[in-house]
C-alpha atoms as a PDB file:
ATOM      1  CA  MET A   1      29.851  19.039   5.230  1.00  0.00           C
ATOM      2  CA  CYS A   2      30.513  22.371   6.908  1.00  0.00           C
ATOM      3  CA  LEU A   3      27.690  23.628   9.076  1.00  0.00           C
ATOM      4  CA  THR A   4      27.142  27.367   9.325  1.00  0.00           C
ATOM      5  CA  GLY A   5      24.948  27.323  12.409  1.00  0.00           C
ATOM      6  CA  HIS A   6      23.508  25.230  15.195  1.00  0.00           C
ATOM      7  CA  ILE A   7      21.351  22.177  14.507  1.00  0.00           C
ATOM      8  CA  VAL A   8      17.849  23.075  15.657  1.00  0.00           C
ATOM      9  CA  HIS A   9      15.988  19.800  15.119  1.00  0.00           C
ATOM     10  CA  THR A  10      17.610  16.468  15.772  1.00  0.00           C
ATOM     11  CA  GLU A  11      14.721  14.041  15.402  1.00  0.00           C
ATOM     12  CA  HIS A  12      13.666  12.620  12.030  1.00  0.00           C
ATOM     13  CA  THR A  13      10.320  13.869  10.693  1.00  0.00           C
ATOM     14  CA  ASN A  14       8.391  13.144   7.500  1.00  0.00           C
ATOM     15  CA  ASN A  15       9.675  16.426   6.037  1.00  0.00           C
ATOM     16  CA  SER A  16      13.337  15.798   6.751  1.00  0.00           C
ATOM     17  CA  PRO A  17      15.627  14.180   4.182  1.00  0.00           C
ATOM     18  CA  PRO A  18      16.365  10.453   4.351  1.00  0.00           C
ATOM     19  CA  VAL A  19      19.310   9.462   6.489  1.00  0.00           C
ATOM     20  CA  LYS A  20      21.938   6.980   5.417  1.00  0.00           C
ATOM     21  CA  GLY A  21      20.511   3.487   5.263  1.00  0.00           C
ATOM     22  CA  GLU A  22      16.901   4.537   4.628  1.00  0.00           C
ATOM     23  CA  PRO A  23      15.438   3.331   1.310  1.00  0.00           C
ATOM     24  CA  MET A  24      15.073   5.911  -1.426  1.00  0.00           C
ATOM     25  CA  ALA A  25      11.731   6.663  -3.009  1.00  0.00           C
ATOM     26  CA  ALA A  26      10.270   5.078  -6.101  1.00  0.00           C
ATOM     27  CA  PHE A  27       7.933   6.746  -8.574  1.00  0.00           C
ATOM     28  CA  SER A  28       5.436   5.445 -11.143  1.00  0.00           C
ATOM     29  CA  VAL A  29       5.385   7.603 -14.255  1.00  0.00           C
ATOM     30  CA  GLU A  30       2.371   7.185 -16.539  1.00  0.00           C
ATOM     31  CA  LEU A  31       3.072   8.335 -20.084  1.00  0.00           C
ATOM     32  CA  ALA A  32       0.666   9.523 -22.791  1.00  0.00           C
ATOM     33  CA  ASN A  33       1.056   6.226 -24.694  1.00  0.00           C
ATOM     34  CA  GLN A  34      -0.384   4.448 -21.594  1.00  0.00           C
ATOM     35  CA  ARG A  35       3.001   2.953 -20.694  1.00  0.00           C
ATOM     36  CA  VAL A  36       3.933   3.061 -16.987  1.00  0.00           C
ATOM     37  CA  GLU A  37       7.597   3.379 -16.054  1.00  0.00           C
ATOM     38  CA  GLU A  38       8.828   2.559 -12.552  1.00  0.00           C
ATOM     39  CA  VAL A  39      11.735   4.741 -11.419  1.00  0.00           C
ATOM     40  CA  GLU A  40      13.451   3.359  -8.299  1.00  0.00           C
ATOM     41  CA  GLY A  41      16.317   4.558  -6.148  1.00  0.00           C
ATOM     42  CA  VAL A  42      15.555   8.263  -6.514  1.00  0.00           C
ATOM     43  CA  ASP A  43      14.882  11.033  -4.020  1.00  0.00           C
ATOM     44  CA  ALA A  44      13.292  13.778  -6.095  1.00  0.00           C
ATOM     45  CA  TYR A  45      12.389  15.011  -9.551  1.00  0.00           C
ATOM     46  CA  GLN A  46      12.221  18.383 -11.257  1.00  0.00           C
ATOM     47  CA  GLN A  47      11.548  19.873 -14.643  1.00  0.00           C
ATOM     48  CA  GLU A  48      14.635  20.735 -16.696  1.00  0.00           C
ATOM     49  CA  GLY A  49      13.548  22.495 -19.875  1.00  0.00           C
ATOM     50  CA  PRO A  50      11.462  20.042 -21.930  1.00  0.00           C
ATOM     51  CA  LEU A  51      12.371  17.088 -19.656  1.00  0.00           C
ATOM     52  CA  THR A  52      11.319  15.951 -16.200  1.00  0.00           C
ATOM     53  CA  THR A  53      14.375  14.378 -14.558  1.00  0.00           C
ATOM     54  CA  PHE A  54      14.553  12.065 -11.528  1.00  0.00           C
ATOM     55  CA  PHE A  55      17.551  12.396  -9.204  1.00  0.00           C
ATOM     56  CA  ALA A  56      19.346  10.437  -6.499  1.00  0.00           C
ATOM     57  CA  VAL A  57      20.747  12.767  -3.840  1.00  0.00           C
ATOM     58  CA  GLU A  58      23.409  11.906  -1.262  1.00  0.00           C
ATOM     59  CA  SER A  59      21.914  11.551   2.221  1.00  0.00           C
ATOM     60  CA  GLN A  60      23.941  14.491   3.568  1.00  0.00           C
ATOM     61  CA  ARG A  61      22.615  16.902   0.927  1.00  0.00           C
ATOM     62  CA  LEU A  62      19.221  18.569   1.199  1.00  0.00           C
ATOM     63  CA  VAL A  63      18.758  19.812  -2.379  1.00  0.00           C
ATOM     64  CA  ILE A  64      19.146  18.775  -6.001  1.00  0.00           C
ATOM     65  CA  ASP A  65      22.434  20.267  -7.149  1.00  0.00           C
ATOM     66  CA  SER A  66      25.418  19.521  -9.380  1.00  0.00           C
ATOM     67  CA  TRP A  67      26.403  16.582  -7.132  1.00  0.00           C
ATOM     68  CA  SER A  68      23.056  14.828  -7.630  1.00  0.00           C
ATOM     69  CA  THR A  69      22.897  11.806  -9.929  1.00  0.00           C
ATOM     70  CA  ARG A  70      20.450  11.836 -12.832  1.00  0.00           C
ATOM     71  CA  VAL A  71      18.649   8.496 -12.908  1.00  0.00           C
ATOM     72  CA  ALA A  72      15.923   8.915 -15.546  1.00  0.00           C
ATOM     73  CA  SER A  73      14.373  11.600 -17.746  1.00  0.00           C
ATOM     74  CA  PHE A  74      11.089  11.792 -19.643  1.00  0.00           C
ATOM     75  CA  ARG A  75       9.652  14.399 -21.990  1.00  0.00           C
ATOM     76  CA  THR A  76       7.396  16.501 -19.763  1.00  0.00           C
ATOM     77  CA  ALA A  77       4.773  16.771 -22.524  1.00  0.00           C
ATOM     78  CA  ASP A  78       4.481  12.942 -22.526  1.00  0.00           C
ATOM     79  CA  ILE A  79       3.860  12.611 -18.760  1.00  0.00           C
ATOM     80  CA  VAL A  80       0.256  12.081 -17.647  1.00  0.00           C
ATOM     81  CA  THR A  81       0.893  11.429 -13.914  1.00  0.00           C
ATOM     82  CA  VAL A  82       3.765  10.934 -11.489  1.00  0.00           C
ATOM     83  CA  ARG A  83       2.975   8.968  -8.319  1.00  0.00           C
ATOM     84  CA  ARG A  84       5.252   8.101  -5.447  1.00  0.00           C
ATOM     85  CA  SER A  85       5.116   4.352  -4.908  1.00  0.00           C
END
Protein backbone atom coordinates (compact mmCIF):
# COMPACT_ATOMS: atom_id res chain seq x y z
CA MET A 1 0.00 0.00 0.00
CA CYS A 2 1.37 3.41 -0.93
CA LEU A 3 0.72 6.11 1.62
CA THR A 4 0.21 9.66 0.39
CA GLY A 5 0.74 11.40 3.71
CA HIS A 6 1.77 11.01 7.32
CA ILE A 7 -0.02 8.63 9.68
CA VAL A 8 -1.83 10.81 12.20
CA HIS A 9 -3.29 8.22 14.57
CA THR A 10 -1.41 5.09 15.48
CA GLU A 11 -3.57 3.58 18.22
CA HIS A 12 -6.53 1.32 17.46
CA THR A 13 -9.97 2.81 18.19
CA ASN A 14 -13.50 1.46 17.78
CA ASN A 15 -13.83 3.45 14.54
CA SER A 16 -10.64 2.18 12.94
CA PRO A 17 -10.62 -0.85 10.65
CA PRO A 18 -9.69 -4.28 12.01
CA VAL A 19 -6.01 -5.12 11.92
CA LYS A 20 -4.65 -8.44 10.73
CA GLY A 21 -5.52 -11.19 13.16
CA GLU A 22 -8.65 -9.54 14.58
CA PRO A 23 -11.89 -11.48 14.02
CA MET A 24 -14.23 -10.16 11.37
CA ALA A 25 -17.79 -9.20 12.17
CA ALA A 26 -20.85 -11.39 11.93
CA PHE A 27 -24.37 -10.24 11.11
CA SER A 28 -27.83 -11.70 11.72
CA VAL A 29 -30.17 -10.98 8.83
CA GLU A 30 -33.89 -11.41 9.53
CA LEU A 31 -35.91 -11.95 6.36
CA ALA A 32 -39.60 -11.29 5.67
CA ASN A 33 -40.36 -15.04 5.78
CA GLN A 34 -39.14 -15.03 9.43
CA ARG A 35 -35.96 -16.91 8.53
CA VAL A 36 -32.75 -15.65 10.17
CA GLU A 37 -29.48 -16.00 8.27
CA GLU A 38 -26.12 -15.71 10.03
CA VAL A 39 -23.41 -14.13 7.87
CA GLU A 40 -19.92 -14.61 9.34
CA GLY A 41 -16.47 -13.50 8.29
CA VAL A 42 -17.56 -10.17 6.83
CA ASP A 43 -16.55 -6.58 7.52
CA ALA A 44 -19.34 -4.53 5.98
CA TYR A 45 -22.46 -4.52 3.85
CA GLN A 46 -24.01 -2.16 1.34
CA GLN A 47 -26.94 -1.96 -1.01
CA GLU A 48 -26.18 -2.82 -4.64
CA GLY A 49 -29.29 -2.20 -6.73
CA PRO A 50 -32.02 -4.59 -5.53
CA LEU A 51 -29.57 -6.57 -3.34
CA THR A 52 -27.87 -5.96 -0.01
CA THR A 53 -24.41 -7.54 -0.21
CA PHE A 54 -22.02 -8.47 2.62
CA PHE A 55 -18.28 -8.09 1.99
CA ALA A 56 -14.98 -9.27 3.43
CA VAL A 57 -12.32 -6.57 3.10
CA GLU A 58 -8.56 -7.05 3.39
CA SER A 59 -7.22 -5.62 6.66
CA GLN A 60 -5.06 -3.06 4.84
CA ARG A 61 -8.02 -1.59 2.94
CA LEU A 62 -10.42 0.91 4.49
CA VAL A 63 -13.30 0.75 2.00
CA ILE A 64 -15.43 -1.66 0.00
CA ASP A 65 -13.96 -1.67 -3.49
CA SER A 66 -13.27 -3.99 -6.42
CA TRP A 67 -10.79 -5.99 -4.30
CA SER A 68 -13.41 -6.83 -1.67
CA THR A 69 -14.87 -10.33 -1.58
CA ARG A 70 -18.64 -10.76 -1.83
CA VAL A 71 -19.73 -13.25 0.81
CA ALA A 72 -23.54 -13.16 0.72
CA SER A 73 -26.38 -11.22 -0.89
CA PHE A 74 -30.08 -10.89 -0.06
CA ARG A 75 -32.93 -9.10 -1.81
CA THR A 76 -33.19 -5.78 0.03
CA ALA A 77 -37.01 -5.90 -0.13
CA ASP A 78 -36.92 -9.20 1.83
CA ILE A 79 -34.76 -7.88 4.70
CA VAL A 80 -36.56 -6.94 7.92
CA THR A 81 -33.49 -6.26 10.12
CA VAL A 82 -29.71 -6.54 10.02
CA ARG A 83 -27.95 -6.84 13.39
CA ARG A 84 -24.26 -7.12 14.12
CA SER A 85 -23.70 -10.18 16.28
